[in-house]
Amino acid sequence: MGWFFKPLVQQEGTAVFYRSLVSELELMRNKARARLGFVEAIEETLSQYVDLPEVDVPDLLEGRDYRTLRREDFDFYAAALRDHWDLGDGPIEDLLLVIENAGIVVAEDEIGSVKLDGVSWWSLATGRPYMLVAQDKNVAVRRRLDAAHEMAHVVLHRYVGPEDLKRDFRLIEEQAMAFAGAFLLPAETFGDEVYSHSLEALVALKSKWKVSVGAMIKRLGHLGSISEHYERRLWQYYSYRKWRAREPLDDIITVEQPQNLRSSIEMLVEDDFISRGELLRETGLSAQDLCSLTGLPTDFFDAAPANLVRLRPSVKRWEDDDENLTSGIIVPFGERRK
C-alpha cells in the first residue's frame, strides 16, 4: 500500500510510447504506464545505494524535426549510434546488455496484450529513460525487436510531446521500426550475408543475427534488395508455413534478460546494505511487484523462519587459542618398549 502514499511524478511534458493507441487497449496502456512508474520508483530507491550506468544516449538528431526524417536517414543514424557505443557492424550478441550499459533502465512484465509489446519514456524527474519489455511472447527474437523498437523511441523521439505523438503516431511508430531494423541489421554486413532471398536462406542467418525472418523480410524491403512484388510473395510463403505464430529456431535462441535492477537488489541485500523489508518499505511496492519487474525469484522476499537462519562459519585465528595452549596439561606417553 505504500506506493499510493508516494508523490506522483507528472509526465505531461513527455510522451509515453506504446505500440498501439486503439481504444480497446486503453486499460492495458494504463496498466503498462503504471508499471513503468513502478520501475522508476525502484530505480530511484536503488540509486541511493548504487550507481547504475550513467545515461549515454547521444542526441543524434541535434534539434532536427523528426518529421523530416527520410528512409535513408535511419541507416545513417543507426550506424552513428553503433559507432558511439563502439559496437562495430556485426551481430549484437546481447542487445539488452547494450541498452542497460547506456543507462537505460529496463524491466520486464506481463503487459497483458501482445499488441503492446513494450512501453518507454524519458523521465522528467530523473532525466533517465525507462523501458518495459513484455514477457507475453517470451520469444528471443521478438523481445530483441521490441527492445530495439523502444530504444529507437528513446534515441529519436526524446523531445516528442504527447500531442505530437497523438498527431503523428503512425509516422513515429514506422520510424521506430525502421530504426530498429537498421540498428540490428546493418545494410552492408547483413546485406552481404544474404546469399539468397528465400525463406530457407533467411532462417540460416537467424541464429547469427538473432532477428526474426519476418524482420529480415521487412529490412530487405527497406533496403530495396527485393521488389515489392517479391516481398509480397515471401509474406505469402511465410503465412502458408504458419510462421506468424512461431518461426523455426524460436525455441532455441535464448531470451535475453535485463540484469541491472535484479543484480543491484541482490548485492544490496546479500551484503547487508539494506534488508528485504526496508527495500519494500522504501519503494512502497509489494514483493510480488518487485519480483515480477526485476526478475527476482518469486520467494526472494519471503521471511525465513528464525530457526532456519544460516550462521556463517568464520576463520579460526590462532591467537585466540594462546591461553589454552599455555595453560594446557602435558600428558606423557608411556616408555616405548624395546
C-alpha atoms as a PDB file:
ATOM      1  CA  MET A   1       0.000   0.000   0.000  1.00  0.00           C
ATOM      2  CA  GLY A   2       2.980   2.326   0.443  1.00  0.00           C
ATOM      3  CA  TRP A   3       3.010   3.135  -3.270  1.00  0.00           C
ATOM      4  CA  PHE A   4      -0.280   5.029  -3.006  1.00  0.00           C
ATOM      5  CA  PHE A   5       1.222   7.458  -0.486  1.00  0.00           C
ATOM      6  CA  LYS A   6       4.249   8.307  -2.620  1.00  0.00           C
ATOM      7  CA  PRO A   7       4.197  11.636  -4.531  1.00  0.00           C
ATOM      8  CA  LEU A   8       3.433  11.046  -8.194  1.00  0.00           C
ATOM      9  CA  VAL A   9       5.734  12.419 -10.856  1.00  0.00           C
ATOM     10  CA  GLN A  10       3.853  14.295 -13.537  1.00  0.00           C
ATOM     11  CA  GLN A  11       4.807  13.199 -17.063  1.00  0.00           C
ATOM     12  CA  GLU A  12       2.610  15.596 -19.050  1.00  0.00           C
ATOM     13  CA  GLY A  13       5.577  17.142 -20.829  1.00  0.00           C
ATOM     14  CA  THR A  14       6.963  13.893 -22.203  1.00  0.00           C
ATOM     15  CA  ALA A  15       5.368  11.236 -24.364  1.00  0.00           C
ATOM     16  CA  VAL A  16       4.777   7.679 -23.211  1.00  0.00           C
ATOM     17  CA  PHE A  17       5.385   5.400 -26.190  1.00  0.00           C
ATOM     18  CA  TYR A  18       3.027   2.482 -26.765  1.00  0.00           C
ATOM     19  CA  ARG A  19       2.779   0.235 -29.787  1.00  0.00           C
ATOM     20  CA  SER A  20      -0.952   0.819 -30.199  1.00  0.00           C
ATOM     21  CA  LEU A  21      -3.409   3.602 -29.368  1.00  0.00           C
ATOM     22  CA  VAL A  22      -6.620   1.742 -30.190  1.00  0.00           C
ATOM     23  CA  SER A  23      -9.358   2.415 -27.656  1.00  0.00           C
ATOM     24  CA  GLU A  24      -9.829  -1.278 -26.767  1.00  0.00           C
ATOM     25  CA  LEU A  25      -6.335  -1.354 -25.236  1.00  0.00           C
ATOM     26  CA  GLU A  26      -6.738   1.714 -23.033  1.00  0.00           C
ATOM     27  CA  LEU A  27      -6.849  -0.315 -19.820  1.00  0.00           C
ATOM     28  CA  MET A  28      -3.732  -2.227 -20.843  1.00  0.00           C
ATOM     29  CA  ARG A  29      -1.931   1.031 -21.670  1.00  0.00           C
ATOM     30  CA  ASN A  30      -2.855   2.487 -18.299  1.00  0.00           C
ATOM     31  CA  LYS A  31      -1.550  -0.639 -16.603  1.00  0.00           C
ATOM     32  CA  ALA A  32       1.700  -0.553 -18.573  1.00  0.00           C
ATOM     33  CA  ARG A  33       2.206   3.125 -17.772  1.00  0.00           C
ATOM     34  CA  ALA A  34       1.621   2.490 -14.067  1.00  0.00           C
ATOM     35  CA  ARG A  35       4.039  -0.435 -14.095  1.00  0.00           C
ATOM     36  CA  LEU A  36       6.690   1.712 -15.765  1.00  0.00           C
ATOM     37  CA  GLY A  37       6.136   4.203 -12.951  1.00  0.00           C
ATOM     38  CA  PHE A  38       6.885   1.363 -10.525  1.00  0.00           C
ATOM     39  CA  VAL A  39      10.159   0.747 -12.375  1.00  0.00           C
ATOM     40  CA  GLU A  40      11.129   4.391 -11.934  1.00  0.00           C
ATOM     41  CA  ALA A  41      10.358   4.116  -8.195  1.00  0.00           C
ATOM     42  CA  ILE A  42      12.593   1.041  -7.939  1.00  0.00           C
ATOM     43  CA  GLU A  43      15.464   2.753  -9.732  1.00  0.00           C
ATOM     44  CA  GLU A  44      15.150   5.909  -7.608  1.00  0.00           C
ATOM     45  CA  THR A  45      15.340   3.832  -4.429  1.00  0.00           C
ATOM     46  CA  LEU A  46      18.317   1.807  -5.630  1.00  0.00           C
ATOM     47  CA  SER A  47      20.142   4.947  -6.774  1.00  0.00           C
ATOM     48  CA  GLN A  48      20.517   5.925  -3.114  1.00  0.00           C
ATOM     49  CA  TYR A  49      22.803   2.922  -2.642  1.00  0.00           C
ATOM     50  CA  VAL A  50      24.285   2.002  -6.033  1.00  0.00           C
ATOM     51  CA  ASP A  51      25.500   3.786  -9.136  1.00  0.00           C
ATOM     52  CA  LEU A  52      23.768   2.446 -12.205  1.00  0.00           C
ATOM     53  CA  PRO A  53      25.464   3.207 -15.547  1.00  0.00           C
ATOM     54  CA  GLU A  54      25.264   6.874 -16.456  1.00  0.00           C
ATOM     55  CA  VAL A  55      22.943   7.839 -19.286  1.00  0.00           C
ATOM     56  CA  ASP A  56      24.874   7.652 -22.553  1.00  0.00           C
ATOM     57  CA  VAL A  57      22.257   8.295 -25.234  1.00  0.00           C
ATOM     58  CA  PRO A  58      23.578  10.759 -27.816  1.00  0.00           C
ATOM     59  CA  ASP A  59      21.331  13.449 -29.271  1.00  0.00           C
ATOM     60  CA  LEU A  60      21.684  12.169 -32.814  1.00  0.00           C
ATOM     61  CA  LEU A  61      19.113  14.489 -34.375  1.00  0.00           C
ATOM     62  CA  GLU A  62      20.677  17.608 -32.790  1.00  0.00           C
ATOM     63  CA  GLY A  63      17.457  19.584 -32.954  1.00  0.00           C
ATOM     64  CA  ARG A  64      16.252  18.227 -36.281  1.00  0.00           C
ATOM     65  CA  ASP A  65      12.481  17.774 -36.560  1.00  0.00           C
ATOM     66  CA  TYR A  66      11.677  14.061 -36.552  1.00  0.00           C
ATOM     67  CA  ARG A  67       9.042  14.671 -39.237  1.00  0.00           C
ATOM     68  CA  THR A  68      11.781  15.491 -41.768  1.00  0.00           C
ATOM     69  CA  LEU A  69      13.476  12.089 -41.463  1.00  0.00           C
ATOM     70  CA  ARG A  70      13.763  10.083 -44.678  1.00  0.00           C
ATOM     71  CA  ARG A  71      14.210   6.336 -45.076  1.00  0.00           C
ATOM     72  CA  GLU A  72      17.939   6.569 -45.725  1.00  0.00           C
ATOM     73  CA  ASP A  73      18.409   8.659 -42.572  1.00  0.00           C
ATOM     74  CA  PHE A  74      17.659   5.692 -40.336  1.00  0.00           C
ATOM     75  CA  ASP A  75      20.669   3.783 -41.671  1.00  0.00           C
ATOM     76  CA  PHE A  76      22.862   6.835 -41.074  1.00  0.00           C
ATOM     77  CA  TYR A  77      21.685   7.422 -37.513  1.00  0.00           C
ATOM     78  CA  ALA A  78      21.711   3.718 -36.638  1.00  0.00           C
ATOM     79  CA  ALA A  79      25.330   3.478 -37.799  1.00  0.00           C
ATOM     80  CA  ALA A  80      26.159   6.621 -35.803  1.00  0.00           C
ATOM     81  CA  LEU A  81      24.694   5.069 -32.669  1.00  0.00           C
ATOM     82  CA  ARG A  82      26.658   1.859 -33.202  1.00  0.00           C
ATOM     83  CA  ASP A  83      29.816   3.940 -33.591  1.00  0.00           C
ATOM     84  CA  HIS A  84      29.041   5.902 -30.427  1.00  0.00           C
ATOM     85  CA  TRP A  85      28.593   2.703 -28.436  1.00  0.00           C
ATOM     86  CA  ASP A  86      31.552   1.043 -30.198  1.00  0.00           C
ATOM     87  CA  LEU A  87      29.533  -1.943 -31.395  1.00  0.00           C
ATOM     88  CA  GLY A  88      31.032  -2.453 -34.833  1.00  0.00           C
ATOM     89  CA  ASP A  89      28.762  -3.502 -37.683  1.00  0.00           C
ATOM     90  CA  GLY A  90      28.225  -7.181 -36.921  1.00  0.00           C
ATOM     91  CA  PRO A  91      25.534  -9.041 -34.983  1.00  0.00           C
ATOM     92  CA  ILE A  92      24.837  -7.759 -31.462  1.00  0.00           C
ATOM     93  CA  GLU A  93      25.271 -10.625 -29.013  1.00  0.00           C
ATOM     94  CA  ASP A  94      23.165  -9.203 -26.148  1.00  0.00           C
ATOM     95  CA  LEU A  95      21.028  -6.188 -27.006  1.00  0.00           C
ATOM     96  CA  LEU A  96      19.610  -5.691 -23.504  1.00  0.00           C
ATOM     97  CA  LEU A  97      23.152  -5.556 -22.128  1.00  0.00           C
ATOM     98  CA  VAL A  98      23.983  -2.804 -24.630  1.00  0.00           C
ATOM     99  CA  ILE A  99      20.838  -0.880 -23.710  1.00  0.00           C
ATOM    100  CA  GLU A 100      21.415  -1.171 -19.960  1.00  0.00           C
ATOM    101  CA  ASN A 101      25.076  -0.148 -20.350  1.00  0.00           C
ATOM    102  CA  ALA A 102      23.794   3.058 -21.953  1.00  0.00           C
ATOM    103  CA  GLY A 103      21.993   3.943 -18.733  1.00  0.00           C
ATOM    104  CA  ILE A 104      18.526   2.982 -19.916  1.00  0.00           C
ATOM    105  CA  VAL A 105      16.650   1.240 -17.094  1.00  0.00           C
ATOM    106  CA  VAL A 106      14.997  -1.937 -18.373  1.00  0.00           C
ATOM    107  CA  ALA A 107      12.376  -4.075 -16.655  1.00  0.00           C
ATOM    108  CA  GLU A 108      10.061  -6.840 -17.816  1.00  0.00           C
ATOM    109  CA  ASP A 109       6.439  -7.611 -17.142  1.00  0.00           C
ATOM    110  CA  GLU A 110       3.346  -9.338 -18.457  1.00  0.00           C
ATOM    111  CA  ILE A 111       1.599  -6.408 -20.066  1.00  0.00           C
ATOM    112  CA  GLY A 112      -1.459  -8.469 -20.947  1.00  0.00           C
ATOM    113  CA  SER A 113      -1.562  -7.933 -24.696  1.00  0.00           C
ATOM    114  CA  VAL A 114       0.806  -8.978 -27.489  1.00  0.00           C
ATOM    115  CA  LYS A 115      -0.310  -5.839 -29.344  1.00  0.00           C
ATOM    116  CA  LEU A 116       1.558  -3.556 -26.939  1.00  0.00           C
ATOM    117  CA  ASP A 117       4.936  -5.356 -26.753  1.00  0.00           C
ATOM    118  CA  GLY A 118       6.627  -2.626 -24.726  1.00  0.00           C
ATOM    119  CA  VAL A 119       6.435   0.889 -23.331  1.00  0.00           C
ATOM    120  CA  SER A 120       9.058   3.575 -22.718  1.00  0.00           C
ATOM    121  CA  TRP A 121       9.564   7.172 -21.648  1.00  0.00           C
ATOM    122  CA  TRP A 122      12.158   9.753 -20.674  1.00  0.00           C
ATOM    123  CA  SER A 123      11.541  10.740 -17.062  1.00  0.00           C
ATOM    124  CA  LEU A 124      11.296  14.443 -16.292  1.00  0.00           C
ATOM    125  CA  ALA A 125      12.149  13.708 -12.644  1.00  0.00           C
ATOM    126  CA  THR A 126      15.366  11.741 -13.130  1.00  0.00           C
ATOM    127  CA  GLY A 127      16.447  12.685 -16.644  1.00  0.00           C
ATOM    128  CA  ARG A 128      16.779   8.979 -17.370  1.00  0.00           C
ATOM    129  CA  PRO A 129      14.973   6.786 -19.951  1.00  0.00           C
ATOM    130  CA  TYR A 130      12.956   3.774 -18.781  1.00  0.00           C
ATOM    131  CA  MET A 131      11.788   0.779 -20.760  1.00  0.00           C
ATOM    132  CA  LEU A 132       9.369  -2.050 -20.022  1.00  0.00           C
ATOM    133  CA  VAL A 133       9.534  -5.081 -22.300  1.00  0.00           C
ATOM    134  CA  ALA A 134       6.726  -7.618 -22.425  1.00  0.00           C
ATOM    135  CA  GLN A 135       7.011 -11.185 -21.224  1.00  0.00           C
ATOM    136  CA  ASP A 136       3.818 -12.148 -23.049  1.00  0.00           C
ATOM    137  CA  LYS A 137       5.584 -13.517 -26.142  1.00  0.00           C
ATOM    138  CA  ASN A 138       8.735 -14.863 -24.456  1.00  0.00           C
ATOM    139  CA  VAL A 139      10.485 -15.393 -27.796  1.00  0.00           C
ATOM    140  CA  ALA A 140      14.075 -14.175 -28.030  1.00  0.00           C
ATOM    141  CA  VAL A 141      13.960 -12.571 -31.476  1.00  0.00           C
ATOM    142  CA  ARG A 142      10.664 -10.824 -30.782  1.00  0.00           C
ATOM    143  CA  ARG A 143      11.911  -9.430 -27.481  1.00  0.00           C
ATOM    144  CA  ARG A 144      15.044  -8.108 -29.190  1.00  0.00           C
ATOM    145  CA  LEU A 145      12.987  -6.354 -31.849  1.00  0.00           C
ATOM    146  CA  ASP A 146      10.646  -4.933 -29.202  1.00  0.00           C
ATOM    147  CA  ALA A 147      13.635  -3.681 -27.194  1.00  0.00           C
ATOM    148  CA  ALA A 148      15.242  -2.164 -30.303  1.00  0.00           C
ATOM    149  CA  HIS A 149      11.915  -0.502 -31.135  1.00  0.00           C
ATOM    150  CA  GLU A 150      11.669   1.113 -27.677  1.00  0.00           C
ATOM    151  CA  MET A 151      15.347   2.081 -27.868  1.00  0.00           C
ATOM    152  CA  ALA A 152      14.566   3.845 -31.153  1.00  0.00           C
ATOM    153  CA  HIS A 153      11.941   5.958 -29.387  1.00  0.00           C
ATOM    154  CA  VAL A 154      14.478   6.826 -26.683  1.00  0.00           C
ATOM    155  CA  VAL A 155      17.028   7.896 -29.285  1.00  0.00           C
ATOM    156  CA  LEU A 156      14.878   9.528 -31.970  1.00  0.00           C
ATOM    157  CA  HIS A 157      11.843  10.809 -30.076  1.00  0.00           C
ATOM    158  CA  ARG A 158      13.226  12.176 -26.825  1.00  0.00           C
ATOM    159  CA  TYR A 159      11.628  15.578 -27.358  1.00  0.00           C
ATOM    160  CA  VAL A 160       8.323  14.346 -28.762  1.00  0.00           C
ATOM    161  CA  GLY A 161       5.396  15.563 -26.679  1.00  0.00           C
ATOM    162  CA  PRO A 162       2.045  13.884 -26.038  1.00  0.00           C
ATOM    163  CA  GLU A 163       0.279  15.993 -28.662  1.00  0.00           C
ATOM    164  CA  ASP A 164       2.979  15.222 -31.228  1.00  0.00           C
ATOM    165  CA  LEU A 165       2.569  11.522 -30.530  1.00  0.00           C
ATOM    166  CA  LYS A 166      -1.186  11.678 -30.846  1.00  0.00           C
ATOM    167  CA  ARG A 167      -0.969  13.569 -34.145  1.00  0.00           C
ATOM    168  CA  ASP A 168       1.900  11.621 -35.729  1.00  0.00           C
ATOM    169  CA  PHE A 169       1.506   8.235 -34.059  1.00  0.00           C
ATOM    170  CA  ARG A 170       1.687   6.140 -37.237  1.00  0.00           C
ATOM    171  CA  LEU A 171       4.727   8.043 -38.523  1.00  0.00           C
ATOM    172  CA  ILE A 172       6.542   7.777 -35.186  1.00  0.00           C
ATOM    173  CA  GLU A 173       5.902   4.028 -34.979  1.00  0.00           C
ATOM    174  CA  GLU A 174       7.120   3.496 -38.550  1.00  0.00           C
ATOM    175  CA  GLN A 175      10.281   5.444 -37.753  1.00  0.00           C
ATOM    176  CA  ALA A 176      10.976   3.370 -34.639  1.00  0.00           C
ATOM    177  CA  MET A 177      10.551   0.134 -36.576  1.00  0.00           C
ATOM    178  CA  ALA A 178      12.779   1.308 -39.429  1.00  0.00           C
ATOM    179  CA  PHE A 179      15.486   2.438 -36.998  1.00  0.00           C
ATOM    180  CA  ALA A 180      15.308  -0.853 -35.082  1.00  0.00           C
ATOM    181  CA  GLY A 181      15.800  -2.821 -38.308  1.00  0.00           C
ATOM    182  CA  ALA A 182      18.718  -0.636 -39.395  1.00  0.00           C
ATOM    183  CA  PHE A 183      20.358  -0.936 -35.968  1.00  0.00           C
ATOM    184  CA  LEU A 184      20.028  -4.723 -35.727  1.00  0.00           C
ATOM    185  CA  LEU A 185      20.759  -5.449 -39.402  1.00  0.00           C
ATOM    186  CA  PRO A 186      23.321  -3.005 -40.886  1.00  0.00           C
ATOM    187  CA  ALA A 187      22.958  -2.652 -44.634  1.00  0.00           C
ATOM    188  CA  GLU A 188      26.461  -3.673 -45.685  1.00  0.00           C
ATOM    189  CA  THR A 189      27.258  -6.540 -43.326  1.00  0.00           C
ATOM    190  CA  PHE A 190      23.811  -8.085 -43.220  1.00  0.00           C
ATOM    191  CA  GLY A 191      23.191  -7.431 -46.903  1.00  0.00           C
ATOM    192  CA  ASP A 192      26.449  -9.113 -47.882  1.00  0.00           C
ATOM    193  CA  GLU A 193      25.491 -12.272 -45.978  1.00  0.00           C
ATOM    194  CA  VAL A 194      22.099 -12.726 -47.662  1.00  0.00           C
ATOM    195  CA  TYR A 195      23.188 -15.158 -50.363  1.00  0.00           C
ATOM    196  CA  SER A 196      19.593 -15.921 -51.348  1.00  0.00           C
ATOM    197  CA  HIS A 197      16.240 -14.252 -50.793  1.00  0.00           C
ATOM    198  CA  SER A 198      14.484 -17.499 -49.965  1.00  0.00           C
ATOM    199  CA  LEU A 199      12.947 -18.201 -46.577  1.00  0.00           C
ATOM    200  CA  GLU A 200      15.412 -21.046 -46.032  1.00  0.00           C
ATOM    201  CA  ALA A 201      18.368 -18.701 -46.552  1.00  0.00           C
ATOM    202  CA  LEU A 202      16.961 -16.237 -44.027  1.00  0.00           C
ATOM    203  CA  VAL A 203      16.416 -18.994 -41.457  1.00  0.00           C
ATOM    204  CA  ALA A 204      20.090 -19.912 -41.884  1.00  0.00           C
ATOM    205  CA  LEU A 205      21.049 -16.371 -40.807  1.00  0.00           C
ATOM    206  CA  LYS A 206      18.630 -16.187 -37.908  1.00  0.00           C
ATOM    207  CA  SER A 207      20.757 -17.795 -35.194  1.00  0.00           C
ATOM    208  CA  LYS A 208      23.700 -15.499 -36.019  1.00  0.00           C
ATOM    209  CA  TRP A 209      21.847 -12.184 -36.172  1.00  0.00           C
ATOM    210  CA  LYS A 210      19.155 -13.169 -33.629  1.00  0.00           C
ATOM    211  CA  VAL A 211      16.486 -11.423 -35.666  1.00  0.00           C
ATOM    212  CA  SER A 212      13.246 -12.948 -36.890  1.00  0.00           C
ATOM    213  CA  VAL A 213      12.735 -13.960 -40.511  1.00  0.00           C
ATOM    214  CA  GLY A 214       9.828 -11.524 -40.625  1.00  0.00           C
ATOM    215  CA  ALA A 215      12.070  -8.639 -39.567  1.00  0.00           C
ATOM    216  CA  MET A 216      14.634  -9.689 -42.184  1.00  0.00           C
ATOM    217  CA  ILE A 217      11.979  -9.581 -44.903  1.00  0.00           C
ATOM    218  CA  LYS A 218      10.994  -6.053 -43.865  1.00  0.00           C
ATOM    219  CA  ARG A 219      14.631  -4.986 -43.753  1.00  0.00           C
ATOM    220  CA  LEU A 220      15.328  -6.321 -47.247  1.00  0.00           C
ATOM    221  CA  GLY A 221      12.280  -4.426 -48.456  1.00  0.00           C
ATOM    222  CA  HIS A 222      13.524  -1.182 -46.859  1.00  0.00           C
ATOM    223  CA  LEU A 223      16.931  -1.669 -48.439  1.00  0.00           C
ATOM    224  CA  GLY A 224      15.400  -2.197 -51.870  1.00  0.00           C
ATOM    225  CA  SER A 225      17.089  -5.587 -52.108  1.00  0.00           C
ATOM    226  CA  ILE A 226      13.789  -7.196 -53.092  1.00  0.00           C
ATOM    227  CA  SER A 227      10.915  -5.812 -55.106  1.00  0.00           C
ATOM    228  CA  GLU A 228       7.502  -5.131 -53.599  1.00  0.00           C
ATOM    229  CA  HIS A 229       6.120  -7.999 -55.661  1.00  0.00           C
ATOM    230  CA  TYR A 230       8.710 -10.469 -54.349  1.00  0.00           C
ATOM    231  CA  GLU A 231       8.249  -9.195 -50.779  1.00  0.00           C
ATOM    232  CA  ARG A 232       4.530  -9.952 -51.035  1.00  0.00           C
ATOM    233  CA  ARG A 233       5.369 -13.465 -52.254  1.00  0.00           C
ATOM    234  CA  LEU A 234       7.685 -14.022 -49.307  1.00  0.00           C
ATOM    235  CA  TRP A 235       4.941 -12.961 -46.913  1.00  0.00           C
ATOM    236  CA  GLN A 236       2.548 -15.369 -48.606  1.00  0.00           C
ATOM    237  CA  TYR A 237       5.008 -18.254 -48.185  1.00  0.00           C
ATOM    238  CA  TYR A 238       5.642 -17.079 -44.635  1.00  0.00           C
ATOM    239  CA  SER A 239       1.940 -17.207 -43.782  1.00  0.00           C
ATOM    240  CA  TYR A 240       1.459 -20.535 -45.555  1.00  0.00           C
ATOM    241  CA  ARG A 241       4.064 -22.072 -43.272  1.00  0.00           C
ATOM    242  CA  LYS A 242       2.259 -20.572 -40.241  1.00  0.00           C
ATOM    243  CA  TRP A 243       5.373 -18.721 -39.139  1.00  0.00           C
ATOM    244  CA  ARG A 244       3.426 -15.682 -37.937  1.00  0.00           C
ATOM    245  CA  ALA A 245       2.694 -17.604 -34.747  1.00  0.00           C
ATOM    246  CA  ARG A 246       6.095 -19.271 -34.390  1.00  0.00           C
ATOM    247  CA  GLU A 247       9.183 -19.407 -36.589  1.00  0.00           C
ATOM    248  CA  PRO A 248      11.926 -22.024 -36.780  1.00  0.00           C
ATOM    249  CA  LEU A 249      14.561 -21.639 -34.010  1.00  0.00           C
ATOM    250  CA  ASP A 250      12.209 -19.646 -31.768  1.00  0.00           C
ATOM    251  CA  ASP A 251      12.511 -22.337 -29.108  1.00  0.00           C
ATOM    252  CA  ILE A 252      16.324 -22.475 -29.349  1.00  0.00           C
ATOM    253  CA  ILE A 253      17.632 -18.905 -29.171  1.00  0.00           C
ATOM    254  CA  THR A 254      17.969 -17.797 -25.542  1.00  0.00           C
ATOM    255  CA  VAL A 255      15.700 -14.982 -24.368  1.00  0.00           C
ATOM    256  CA  GLU A 256      17.765 -12.028 -23.128  1.00  0.00           C
ATOM    257  CA  GLN A 257      17.035 -10.767 -19.618  1.00  0.00           C
ATOM    258  CA  PRO A 258      17.576  -7.330 -18.061  1.00  0.00           C
ATOM    259  CA  GLN A 259      20.092  -7.602 -15.218  1.00  0.00           C
ATOM    260  CA  ASN A 260      20.862  -4.245 -13.578  1.00  0.00           C
ATOM    261  CA  LEU A 261      17.867  -3.906 -11.248  1.00  0.00           C
ATOM    262  CA  ARG A 262      17.983  -7.527 -10.147  1.00  0.00           C
ATOM    263  CA  SER A 263      21.731  -7.655  -9.543  1.00  0.00           C
ATOM    264  CA  SER A 264      21.616  -4.356  -7.638  1.00  0.00           C
ATOM    265  CA  ILE A 265      18.950  -5.664  -5.263  1.00  0.00           C
ATOM    266  CA  GLU A 266      20.723  -8.981  -4.756  1.00  0.00           C
ATOM    267  CA  MET A 267      24.010  -7.236  -3.991  1.00  0.00           C
ATOM    268  CA  LEU A 268      22.481  -4.787  -1.519  1.00  0.00           C
ATOM    269  CA  VAL A 269      20.573  -7.468   0.364  1.00  0.00           C
ATOM    270  CA  GLU A 270      23.321 -10.091   0.398  1.00  0.00           C
ATOM    271  CA  ASP A 271      25.941  -7.569   1.594  1.00  0.00           C
ATOM    272  CA  ASP A 272      23.574  -6.214   4.291  1.00  0.00           C
ATOM    273  CA  PHE A 273      23.367  -2.666   2.932  1.00  0.00           C
ATOM    274  CA  ILE A 274      19.590  -2.880   3.209  1.00  0.00           C
ATOM    275  CA  SER A 275      17.169  -5.518   4.411  1.00  0.00           C
ATOM    276  CA  ARG A 276      14.421  -7.031   2.323  1.00  0.00           C
ATOM    277  CA  GLY A 277      11.795  -5.339   4.464  1.00  0.00           C
ATOM    278  CA  GLU A 278      13.471  -1.937   4.220  1.00  0.00           C
ATOM    279  CA  LEU A 279      13.632  -2.234   0.461  1.00  0.00           C
ATOM    280  CA  LEU A 280       9.922  -2.977   0.260  1.00  0.00           C
ATOM    281  CA  ARG A 281       9.120  -0.006   2.520  1.00  0.00           C
ATOM    282  CA  GLU A 282      11.333   2.423   0.611  1.00  0.00           C
ATOM    283  CA  THR A 283       9.949   1.530  -2.820  1.00  0.00           C
ATOM    284  CA  GLY A 284       6.386   1.315  -1.498  1.00  0.00           C
ATOM    285  CA  LEU A 285       5.790  -1.725  -3.692  1.00  0.00           C
ATOM    286  CA  SER A 286       4.686  -5.245  -2.946  1.00  0.00           C
ATOM    287  CA  ALA A 287       7.096  -8.161  -3.016  1.00  0.00           C
ATOM    288  CA  GLN A 288       5.173  -9.584  -5.965  1.00  0.00           C
ATOM    289  CA  ASP A 289       5.597  -6.390  -7.995  1.00  0.00           C
ATOM    290  CA  LEU A 290       9.301  -6.099  -7.197  1.00  0.00           C
ATOM    291  CA  CYS A 291       9.985  -9.702  -8.154  1.00  0.00           C
ATOM    292  CA  SER A 292       7.918  -9.520 -11.323  1.00  0.00           C
ATOM    293  CA  LEU A 293       9.518  -6.338 -12.632  1.00  0.00           C
ATOM    294  CA  THR A 294      13.124  -7.112 -11.745  1.00  0.00           C
ATOM    295  CA  GLY A 295      13.207 -10.852 -12.473  1.00  0.00           C
ATOM    296  CA  LEU A 296      13.925 -11.861  -8.876  1.00  0.00           C
ATOM    297  CA  PRO A 297      12.746 -15.284  -7.687  1.00  0.00           C
ATOM    298  CA  THR A 298       9.151 -15.127  -6.524  1.00  0.00           C
ATOM    299  CA  ASP A 299      10.161 -16.141  -2.975  1.00  0.00           C
ATOM    300  CA  PHE A 300      13.020 -13.622  -2.679  1.00  0.00           C
ATOM    301  CA  PHE A 301      11.217 -11.509  -0.078  1.00  0.00           C
ATOM    302  CA  ASP A 302       9.745 -14.406   1.891  1.00  0.00           C
ATOM    303  CA  ALA A 303      10.783 -14.256   5.542  1.00  0.00           C
ATOM    304  CA  ALA A 304      12.817 -17.277   6.622  1.00  0.00           C
ATOM    305  CA  PRO A 305      11.817 -18.905   9.962  1.00  0.00           C
ATOM    306  CA  ALA A 306      14.103 -17.758  12.789  1.00  0.00           C
ATOM    307  CA  ASN A 307      15.428 -21.250  13.454  1.00  0.00           C
ATOM    308  CA  LEU A 308      16.408 -21.682   9.811  1.00  0.00           C
ATOM    309  CA  VAL A 309      18.728 -18.681   9.510  1.00  0.00           C
ATOM    310  CA  ARG A 310      22.144 -19.957   8.446  1.00  0.00           C
ATOM    311  CA  LEU A 311      25.094 -18.817  10.569  1.00  0.00           C
ATOM    312  CA  ARG A 312      28.220 -18.297   8.526  1.00  0.00           C
ATOM    313  CA  PRO A 313      31.421 -20.070   9.676  1.00  0.00           C
ATOM    314  CA  SER A 314      34.382 -17.799  10.404  1.00  0.00           C
ATOM    315  CA  VAL A 315      38.106 -18.381  10.005  1.00  0.00           C
ATOM    316  CA  LYS A 316      39.713 -19.527  13.238  1.00  0.00           C
ATOM    317  CA  ARG A 317      42.538 -17.293  14.491  1.00  0.00           C
ATOM    318  CA  TRP A 318      45.481 -18.977  16.262  1.00  0.00           C
ATOM    319  CA  GLU A 319      45.974 -16.105  18.702  1.00  0.00           C
ATOM    320  CA  ASP A 320      42.546 -16.881  20.160  1.00  0.00           C
ATOM    321  CA  ASP A 321      43.963 -20.206  21.441  1.00  0.00           C
ATOM    322  CA  ASP A 322      47.185 -18.862  23.046  1.00  0.00           C
ATOM    323  CA  GLU A 323      45.754 -19.043  26.558  1.00  0.00           C
ATOM    324  CA  ASN A 324      44.623 -22.611  26.093  1.00  0.00           C
ATOM    325  CA  LEU A 325      47.998 -23.574  24.715  1.00  0.00           C
ATOM    326  CA  THR A 326      49.959 -22.145  27.665  1.00  0.00           C
ATOM    327  CA  SER A 327      47.686 -23.469  30.398  1.00  0.00           C
ATOM    328  CA  GLY A 328      47.246 -26.942  28.992  1.00  0.00           C
ATOM    329  CA  ILE A 329      48.332 -30.150  30.689  1.00  0.00           C
ATOM    330  CA  ILE A 330      51.081 -32.184  29.061  1.00  0.00           C
ATOM    331  CA  VAL A 331      50.308 -35.878  29.181  1.00  0.00           C
ATOM    332  CA  PRO A 332      53.482 -38.032  28.754  1.00  0.00           C
ATOM    333  CA  PHE A 333      53.406 -41.120  26.629  1.00  0.00           C
ATOM    334  CA  GLY A 334      54.425 -44.347  28.264  1.00  0.00           C
ATOM    335  CA  GLU A 335      58.005 -45.616  27.806  1.00  0.00           C
ATOM    336  CA  ARG A 336      58.336 -47.323  24.445  1.00  0.00           C
ATOM    337  CA  ARG A 337      59.010 -50.981  24.750  1.00  0.00           C
ATOM    338  CA  LYS A 338      62.251 -52.249  23.402  1.00  0.00           C
END
